[in-house]
């Protein structure tokens, strides 16, 4: 019953051309079953009707399945206690509730966790969890590879393979919750009321999501929107839009739609304040220039002092880090009257990069100039430096290992997880 879908194995579009979205919302599986993860209630209902249930039965089952998928994190139909035992094998024959396969997992001494994941059609991508004292942030990927070719970004050295589906995007959040023990425990009954003791989560809670992983989210707009709507659904993962941030390198035509149709916080990968430097290090600037980008930020729906736009600025030695650059940044933000916060990011070097990180003294001076102008400009604390922390690094390092070595490490990771869960 798997619907035929266009082949989107490879997208070979260069960075200065808007890539055509991959016309796929479910990745086909070899066993022919349909993965329900990433699908909203109406789509689940339609699939159940196509499989033979009548409309009333399909509506009820879709509601139950949605609850078990997104509220409970269940992956086994047999665990769905309010669905008839005779119905569960019928579901299992036709559907699956998937997760991305874990190829490799790394755990930094500072608590940062990084996973290399694999889709059901064999492509790899990354996600990162960053714990802090008052929050736990998951950095989520939207594409396999990227077309933007930003010179400081390791993912920019990879060709774009394809967009991730809504299920592959939501699957990262689900997998993180699996790993953090965050799903509700206690009575697994759809209709029963639960006490605070029974309804709890163990471990550090995942409180925030940032769409800052591999890929440009606004070049995969429909799938990112659909995935985040599931994350924000009050009957599903129920994460507030105020706790979700989408980062774009400046796909100007999609920014207003992002504000209107998703409504999450906006972050912009600015990284330079002159056309010459930004053209070089963020090549999309040749298509949508700084002025056009900042005007789109000024027009972004719901941006205000309570929900400021974050400007990401990676600190590159002798490239974008002078006091004059800092003053020009202040001038631009004031010119467009932007409710802004600037995140200064010490560059995390990766093998083959043409850049070096600015000196601590230079970063402090830059930050002080922006702060003195009344604009928040904290320096992001480098995380995961003892693992392959820069986006794309883990994928590259894993590709250098033999298949046997990678399979062995994956088995060891799974064994460790099973032991911890026992």
Protein backbone atom coordinates (compact mmCIF):
# COMPACT_ATOMS: atom_id res chain seq x y z
CA UNK A 1 0.00 0.00 0.00
CA UNK A 2 3.06 2.26 -0.13
CA UNK A 3 2.32 5.10 -2.50
CA UNK A 4 4.73 5.58 -5.37
CA UNK A 5 6.95 8.60 -4.86
CA UNK A 6 9.35 10.44 -7.13
CA UNK A 7 12.98 9.47 -6.85
CA UNK A 8 14.77 12.15 -4.84
CA UNK A 9 17.99 10.29 -4.16
CA UNK A 10 20.23 13.22 -5.06
CA UNK A 11 19.78 16.97 -5.32
CA UNK A 12 22.76 18.49 -7.12
CA UNK A 13 21.69 22.13 -7.12
CA UNK A 14 24.48 24.71 -6.62
CA UNK A 15 24.23 27.13 -3.72
CA UNK A 16 22.99 30.23 -5.54
CA UNK A 17 19.90 28.55 -7.00
CA UNK A 18 16.91 27.82 -4.79
CA UNK A 19 16.71 24.03 -4.58
CA UNK A 20 13.50 22.39 -5.70
CA UNK A 21 11.83 20.82 -2.65
CA UNK A 22 11.91 17.04 -2.68
CA UNK A 23 8.29 15.96 -3.30
CA UNK A 24 8.30 13.42 -0.51
CA UNK A 25 6.74 13.39 2.92
CA UNK A 26 7.35 9.72 3.74
CA UNK A 27 10.54 7.81 2.99
CA UNK A 28 9.59 4.49 1.30
CA UNK A 29 10.55 1.35 3.22
CA UNK A 30 11.82 -1.89 1.72
CA UNK A 31 9.18 -3.90 3.62
CA UNK A 32 6.36 -1.86 2.10
CA UNK A 33 4.95 -0.67 5.41
CA UNK A 34 4.16 3.01 5.93
CA UNK A 35 5.96 4.89 8.69
CA UNK A 36 3.37 6.86 10.65
CA UNK A 37 5.92 9.07 12.39
CA UNK A 38 5.65 12.64 11.15
CA UNK A 39 2.05 12.34 10.00
CA UNK A 40 -0.80 14.47 11.41
CA UNK A 41 -4.14 13.05 12.49
CA UNK A 42 -5.94 13.65 9.13
CA UNK A 43 -3.22 11.85 7.20
CA UNK A 44 -3.20 8.90 9.63
CA UNK A 45 -6.99 8.74 9.37
CA UNK A 46 -6.82 8.72 5.55
CA UNK A 47 -4.25 5.92 5.54
CA UNK A 48 -6.42 3.84 7.86
CA UNK A 49 -9.40 4.32 5.58
CA UNK A 50 -7.30 3.35 2.55
CA UNK A 51 -6.31 0.20 4.45
CA UNK A 52 -9.95 -0.79 4.91
CA UNK A 53 -11.35 0.79 8.08
CA UNK A 54 -14.66 2.62 7.89
CA UNK A 55 -14.68 6.38 8.48
CA UNK A 56 -15.86 6.25 12.10
CA UNK A 57 -13.36 3.54 13.06
CA UNK A 58 -10.53 5.33 11.22
CA UNK A 59 -11.24 8.59 13.05
CA UNK A 60 -11.11 6.89 16.47
CA UNK A 61 -7.98 4.90 15.69
CA UNK A 62 -6.22 7.96 14.26
CA UNK A 63 -6.87 9.84 17.52
CA UNK A 64 -5.54 6.94 19.56
CA UNK A 65 -2.48 6.44 17.37
CA UNK A 66 -1.66 10.16 17.46
CA UNK A 67 -1.73 10.09 21.25
CA UNK A 68 0.52 7.02 21.50
CA UNK A 69 2.95 8.29 18.85
CA UNK A 70 3.50 11.85 19.99
CA UNK A 71 2.35 12.06 23.60
CA UNK A 72 3.65 8.70 24.82
CA UNK A 73 6.52 8.03 22.42
CA UNK A 74 5.43 4.43 21.92
CA UNK A 75 6.89 2.55 18.93
CA UNK A 76 5.18 -0.83 19.44
CA UNK A 77 1.51 -1.30 18.59
CA UNK A 78 1.31 -4.05 21.24
CA UNK A 79 1.92 -1.40 23.93
CA UNK A 80 -1.20 0.55 22.92
CA UNK A 81 -3.46 -0.72 25.67
CA UNK A 82 -6.70 0.92 24.55
CA UNK A 83 -6.53 -0.57 21.04
CA UNK A 84 -8.11 -4.03 20.73
CA UNK A 85 -5.60 -6.87 20.78
CA UNK A 86 -6.99 -8.18 17.49
CA UNK A 87 -6.39 -4.78 15.86
CA UNK A 88 -2.72 -4.50 16.86
CA UNK A 89 -1.33 -7.20 14.48
CA UNK A 90 -3.43 -5.67 11.68
CA UNK A 91 -1.71 -2.33 12.30
CA UNK A 92 1.75 -3.91 12.58
CA UNK A 93 1.35 -5.61 9.20
CA UNK A 94 0.66 -2.32 7.44
CA UNK A 95 2.39 0.36 9.46
CA UNK A 96 5.48 1.05 11.52
CA UNK A 97 6.41 3.77 14.02
CA UNK A 98 9.99 4.47 13.18
CA UNK A 99 12.99 6.26 14.57
CA UNK A 100 16.15 7.24 12.71
CA UNK A 101 18.81 4.53 13.09
CA UNK A 102 21.72 5.53 15.35
CA UNK A 103 25.01 5.07 13.50
CA UNK A 104 27.20 6.65 16.15
CA UNK A 105 26.69 8.48 19.43
CA UNK A 106 29.18 10.69 21.28
CA UNK A 107 28.93 12.11 24.79
CA UNK A 108 31.11 15.09 25.67
CA UNK A 109 32.62 15.70 29.09
CA UNK A 110 30.47 18.87 29.30
CA UNK A 111 27.26 16.86 28.83
CA UNK A 112 26.78 17.63 25.14
CA UNK A 113 25.53 14.62 23.21
CA UNK A 114 25.83 14.13 19.47
CA UNK A 115 24.28 11.50 17.26
CA UNK A 116 24.96 10.45 13.70
CA UNK A 117 21.66 9.12 12.37
CA UNK A 118 20.65 7.17 9.28
CA UNK A 119 17.38 7.31 7.33
CA UNK A 120 15.59 4.16 6.19
CA UNK A 121 16.99 4.71 2.68
CA UNK A 122 20.56 4.84 3.95
CA UNK A 123 21.46 8.56 4.19
CA UNK A 124 23.15 10.07 7.25
CA UNK A 125 22.62 13.28 9.19
CA UNK A 126 23.26 14.65 12.69
CA UNK A 127 21.57 16.01 15.80
CA UNK A 128 23.02 17.49 18.99
CA UNK A 129 21.66 17.86 22.54
CA UNK A 130 23.14 20.67 24.65
CA UNK A 131 22.27 20.68 28.38
CA UNK A 132 22.50 23.83 30.48
CA UNK A 133 21.59 24.58 34.07
CA UNK A 134 18.10 25.84 33.22
CA UNK A 135 17.37 24.19 29.86
CA UNK A 136 18.14 21.37 27.48
CA UNK A 137 18.38 22.33 23.82
CA UNK A 138 18.14 19.97 20.86
CA UNK A 139 19.78 21.10 17.62
CA UNK A 140 17.77 19.56 14.78
CA UNK A 141 18.74 19.00 11.13
CA UNK A 142 16.40 19.75 8.21
CA UNK A 143 18.38 18.47 5.21
CA UNK A 144 20.97 15.84 4.36
CA UNK A 145 23.81 18.10 3.27
CA UNK A 146 23.33 21.72 2.23
CA UNK A 147 23.54 23.95 -0.85
CA UNK A 148 24.63 27.16 0.82
CA UNK A 149 28.41 26.62 0.94
CA UNK A 150 29.10 28.94 3.88
CA UNK A 151 32.90 28.80 4.16
CA UNK A 152 33.05 28.38 7.95
CA UNK A 153 30.43 25.58 8.05
CA UNK A 154 31.51 21.96 7.70
CA UNK A 155 28.09 20.94 6.36
CA UNK A 156 28.68 23.42 3.55
CA UNK A 157 31.41 21.13 2.20
CA UNK A 158 28.83 18.38 1.58
CA UNK A 159 26.53 18.16 -1.40
CA UNK A 160 22.81 18.26 -0.78
CA UNK A 161 21.36 14.76 -1.01
CA UNK A 162 17.74 15.50 -0.17
CA UNK A 163 15.34 17.16 2.23
CA UNK A 164 14.43 15.37 5.43
CA UNK A 165 10.77 14.36 5.70
CA UNK A 166 8.54 15.57 8.56
CA UNK A 167 8.97 12.15 10.17
CA UNK A 168 12.76 12.34 9.96
CA UNK A 169 12.68 15.81 11.52
CA UNK A 170 10.23 14.91 14.30
CA UNK A 171 12.10 11.62 14.69
CA UNK A 172 15.11 13.52 16.02
CA UNK A 173 12.99 14.99 18.82
CA UNK A 174 11.47 11.58 19.56
CA UNK A 175 14.89 9.92 19.65
CA UNK A 176 16.22 12.57 22.03
CA UNK A 177 13.25 12.02 24.32
CA UNK A 178 13.89 8.27 24.15
CA UNK A 179 17.52 8.82 25.18
CA UNK A 180 16.64 11.26 27.95
CA UNK A 181 13.90 9.06 29.42
CA UNK A 182 11.47 11.92 28.98
CA UNK A 183 8.32 10.06 28.02
CA UNK A 184 5.52 9.79 30.58
CA UNK A 185 5.68 6.65 32.70
CA UNK A 186 3.03 4.96 34.80
CA UNK A 187 -0.41 4.04 33.56
CA UNK A 188 -0.39 3.65 29.78
CA UNK A 189 -4.15 4.06 29.40
CA UNK A 190 -5.47 6.60 26.90
CA UNK A 191 -8.63 7.38 28.83
CA UNK A 192 -7.43 7.16 32.43
CA UNK A 193 -6.54 10.16 34.53
CA UNK A 194 -2.99 10.26 35.78
CA UNK A 195 -1.56 11.59 38.98
CA UNK A 196 1.52 13.76 39.06
CA UNK A 197 3.48 10.79 40.40
CA UNK A 198 2.41 8.53 37.54
CA UNK A 199 2.94 11.17 34.87
CA UNK A 200 6.57 12.10 35.11
CA UNK A 201 9.79 12.30 33.13
CA UNK A 202 13.21 11.09 34.18
CA UNK A 203 16.49 12.76 33.34
CA UNK A 204 17.17 16.24 32.00
CA UNK A 205 14.14 17.54 30.16
CA UNK A 206 14.40 18.64 26.57
CA UNK A 207 13.01 22.17 26.88
CA UNK A 208 14.08 23.92 23.66
CA UNK A 209 14.52 23.11 19.99
CA UNK A 210 16.69 24.99 17.52
CA UNK A 211 16.51 24.31 13.79
CA UNK A 212 20.24 24.93 13.42
CA UNK A 213 21.53 21.50 12.38
CA UNK A 214 22.47 20.35 8.91
CA UNK A 215 20.72 22.15 6.07
CA UNK A 216 18.78 25.37 5.48
CA UNK A 217 15.31 24.98 7.06
CA UNK A 218 13.64 27.49 4.75
CA UNK A 219 14.73 25.46 1.70
CA UNK A 220 12.67 22.60 3.17
CA UNK A 221 9.85 24.83 4.36
CA UNK A 222 6.81 22.57 4.01
CA UNK A 223 8.38 19.61 5.80
CA UNK A 224 9.88 21.78 8.56
CA UNK A 225 6.54 23.53 9.08
CA UNK A 226 4.63 20.24 9.23
CA UNK A 227 7.16 18.72 11.64
CA UNK A 228 7.14 21.72 13.98
CA UNK A 229 3.35 21.82 14.01
CA UNK A 230 3.43 18.28 15.42
CA UNK A 231 6.03 19.34 17.99
CA UNK A 232 3.83 22.30 19.02
CA UNK A 233 0.53 20.36 19.01
CA UNK A 234 -0.99 20.49 22.50
CA UNK A 235 -2.11 16.86 22.21
CA UNK A 236 1.26 15.76 20.93
CA UNK A 237 4.76 16.84 21.96
CA UNK A 238 3.25 20.11 23.25
CA UNK A 239 6.37 22.30 23.10
CA UNK A 240 5.59 26.02 23.05
CA UNK A 241 6.52 27.96 19.91
CA UNK A 242 8.36 30.35 22.22
CA UNK A 243 10.80 27.52 22.95
CA UNK A 244 11.53 26.82 19.29
CA UNK A 245 13.96 28.82 17.16
CA UNK A 246 14.46 28.49 13.43
CA UNK A 247 17.78 29.64 12.00
CA UNK A 248 18.10 30.80 8.41
CA UNK A 249 21.06 32.05 6.41
CA UNK A 250 18.71 34.52 4.79
CA UNK A 251 16.18 32.93 2.43
CA UNK A 252 14.30 36.22 2.33
CA UNK A 253 11.19 35.18 0.34
CA UNK A 254 10.32 32.49 2.92
CA UNK A 255 10.86 34.50 6.09
CA UNK A 256 7.41 36.09 6.23
CA UNK A 257 5.76 32.69 5.62
CA UNK A 258 7.85 31.29 8.46
CA UNK A 259 6.48 33.89 10.84
CA UNK A 260 2.89 33.50 9.64
CA UNK A 261 2.67 29.70 9.23
CA UNK A 262 5.04 28.49 11.96
CA UNK A 263 5.36 31.45 14.31
CA UNK A 264 8.55 30.36 16.06
CA UNK A 265 11.48 32.53 17.10
CA UNK A 266 13.79 33.62 14.31
CA UNK A 267 17.58 33.43 14.23
CA UNK A 268 19.59 34.79 11.31
CA UNK A 269 23.07 33.65 10.36
CA UNK A 270 24.51 37.10 9.70
CA UNK A 271 28.25 36.59 10.30
CA UNK A 272 29.38 39.75 8.48
CA UNK A 273 28.33 43.38 8.11
CA UNK A 274 29.75 44.26 4.67
CA UNK A 275 28.70 42.97 1.27
CA UNK A 276 32.25 41.98 0.37
CA UNK A 277 32.85 39.77 3.42
CA UNK A 278 29.33 38.29 3.58
CA UNK A 279 29.40 37.50 -0.15
CA UNK A 280 32.52 35.47 0.56
CA UNK A 281 31.61 33.61 3.74
CA UNK A 282 27.79 33.38 3.34
CA UNK A 283 27.36 33.17 -0.45
CA UNK A 284 23.55 33.43 -0.36
CA UNK A 285 24.26 37.12 0.30
CA UNK A 286 24.90 37.46 -3.45
CA UNK A 287 21.24 36.53 -3.98
CA UNK A 288 19.65 38.27 -0.98
CA UNK A 289 21.83 41.11 0.29
CA UNK A 290 22.24 42.42 3.85
CA UNK A 291 19.78 45.30 3.41
CA UNK A 292 17.10 43.02 1.95
CA UNK A 293 17.69 40.52 4.74
CA UNK A 294 17.48 43.09 7.53
CA UNK A 295 14.28 44.55 6.07
CA UNK A 296 12.76 41.05 6.08
CA UNK A 297 13.79 40.81 9.75
CA UNK A 298 12.11 44.15 10.48
CA UNK A 299 8.94 42.82 8.83
CA UNK A 300 9.01 39.44 10.60
CA UNK A 301 5.61 38.76 12.19
CA UNK A 302 5.51 38.78 16.00
CA UNK A 303 9.09 40.05 16.45
CA UNK A 304 9.20 42.44 19.41
CA UNK A 305 11.30 43.20 22.46
CA UNK A 306 9.88 40.17 24.23
CA UNK A 307 10.68 37.93 21.23
CA UNK A 308 13.85 39.37 19.81
CA UNK A 309 15.47 38.19 16.61
CA UNK A 310 18.78 36.48 17.28
CA UNK A 311 21.67 37.31 14.96
CA UNK A 312 24.28 34.57 14.85
CA UNK A 313 27.81 35.90 14.31
CA UNK A 314 30.70 33.45 14.12
CA UNK A 315 33.98 35.08 15.12
CA UNK A 316 36.61 34.57 12.40
CA UNK A 317 40.13 35.87 12.92
CA UNK A 318 41.03 38.84 10.68
CA UNK A 319 37.82 38.38 8.68
CA UNK A 320 34.83 39.88 10.50
CA UNK A 321 36.02 40.66 14.03
CA UNK A 322 37.31 44.24 14.09
CA UNK A 323 35.98 47.05 16.26
CA UNK A 324 34.81 48.71 13.04
CA UNK A 325 32.78 45.59 12.23
CA UNK A 326 31.17 45.76 15.68
CA UNK A 327 30.24 49.41 15.25
CA UNK A 328 28.80 48.74 11.79
CA UNK A 329 26.73 45.91 13.24
CA UNK A 330 25.29 48.30 15.82
CA UNK A 331 24.56 50.87 13.10
CA UNK A 332 22.70 48.35 10.93
CA UNK A 333 20.57 47.04 13.78
CA UNK A 334 19.63 50.58 14.78
CA UNK A 335 18.94 51.61 11.18
CA UNK A 336 16.31 48.90 10.83
CA UNK A 337 15.06 49.37 14.42
CA UNK A 338 15.40 45.67 15.11
CA UNK A 339 14.55 44.02 18.45
CA UNK A 340 17.81 42.12 18.40
CA UNK A 341 20.16 39.92 20.33
CA UNK A 342 23.57 39.04 18.92
CA UNK A 343 25.08 35.62 19.62
CA UNK A 344 28.85 35.77 19.22
CA UNK A 345 30.12 32.30 18.35
CA UNK A 346 33.81 31.43 18.69
CA UNK A 347 34.67 29.51 15.51
CA UNK A 348 35.00 25.76 16.10
CA UNK A 349 37.82 24.69 13.74
CA UNK A 350 37.45 21.59 11.58
CA UNK A 351 40.04 19.84 9.38
CA UNK A 352 40.56 21.68 6.12
CA UNK A 353 38.89 24.90 7.20
CA UNK A 354 40.39 28.12 5.85
CA UNK A 355 39.49 30.05 9.00
CA UNK A 356 40.80 30.48 12.54
CA UNK A 357 38.92 31.57 15.62
CA UNK A 358 39.29 35.18 16.75
CA UNK A 359 41.37 35.68 19.87
CA UNK A 360 39.54 35.88 23.21
CA UNK A 361 40.65 39.52 23.53
CA UNK A 362 39.20 40.38 20.12
CA UNK A 363 35.91 38.66 20.92
CA UNK A 364 35.65 40.50 24.25
CA UNK A 365 36.28 43.85 22.56
CA UNK A 366 33.68 43.16 19.88
CA UNK A 367 31.12 42.09 22.49
CA UNK A 368 31.77 45.15 24.66
CA UNK A 369 31.10 47.55 21.77
CA UNK A 370 27.75 45.93 21.00
CA UNK A 371 26.77 45.71 24.68
CA UNK A 372 27.69 49.36 25.23
CA UNK A 373 25.22 50.25 22.48
CA UNK A 374 22.45 48.61 24.49
CA UNK A 375 22.25 45.41 22.44
CA UNK A 376 22.77 42.06 24.15
CA UNK A 377 25.85 40.34 22.71
CA UNK A 378 26.78 37.30 24.81
CA UNK A 379 29.63 35.05 23.75
CA UNK A 380 28.40 31.51 23.27
CA UNK A 381 30.32 29.04 25.41
CA UNK A 382 31.98 26.48 23.12
CA UNK A 383 30.43 23.06 23.69
CA UNK A 384 31.52 19.57 22.79
CA UNK A 385 35.06 20.53 21.82
CA UNK A 386 36.25 17.05 22.87
CA UNK A 387 33.92 15.37 20.36
CA UNK A 388 33.19 16.05 16.67
CA UNK A 389 31.14 19.06 17.65
CA UNK A 390 31.01 21.26 14.56
CA UNK A 391 27.97 20.41 12.46
CA UNK A 392 28.91 17.82 9.86
CA UNK A 393 32.10 16.68 11.55
CA UNK A 394 30.69 13.50 13.01
CA UNK A 395 29.33 12.43 9.63
CA UNK A 396 32.72 13.00 8.00
CA UNK A 397 34.70 11.21 10.71
CA UNK A 398 32.29 8.28 10.65
CA UNK A 399 32.67 7.91 6.89
CA UNK A 400 36.38 7.26 7.42
CA UNK A 401 35.67 4.23 9.59
CA UNK A 402 35.11 0.76 8.25
CA UNK A 403 31.55 -0.52 8.10
CA UNK A 404 32.45 -3.29 10.56
CA UNK A 405 33.84 -0.79 13.07
CA UNK A 406 30.75 1.40 12.81
CA UNK A 407 28.38 -1.55 13.20
CA UNK A 408 30.32 -2.76 16.23
CA UNK A 409 30.18 0.67 17.89
CA UNK A 410 26.45 0.95 17.16
CA UNK A 411 25.85 -2.45 18.76
CA UNK A 412 27.84 -1.41 21.82
CA UNK A 413 25.78 1.81 22.10
CA UNK A 414 22.53 -0.15 21.91
CA UNK A 415 23.76 -2.66 24.51
CA UNK A 416 24.70 0.16 26.87
CA UNK A 417 21.27 1.77 26.43
CA UNK A 418 19.52 -1.54 27.13
CA UNK A 419 21.59 -2.06 30.28
CA UNK A 420 20.78 1.46 31.50
CA UNK A 421 17.09 0.94 30.87
CA UNK A 422 16.97 -2.42 32.69
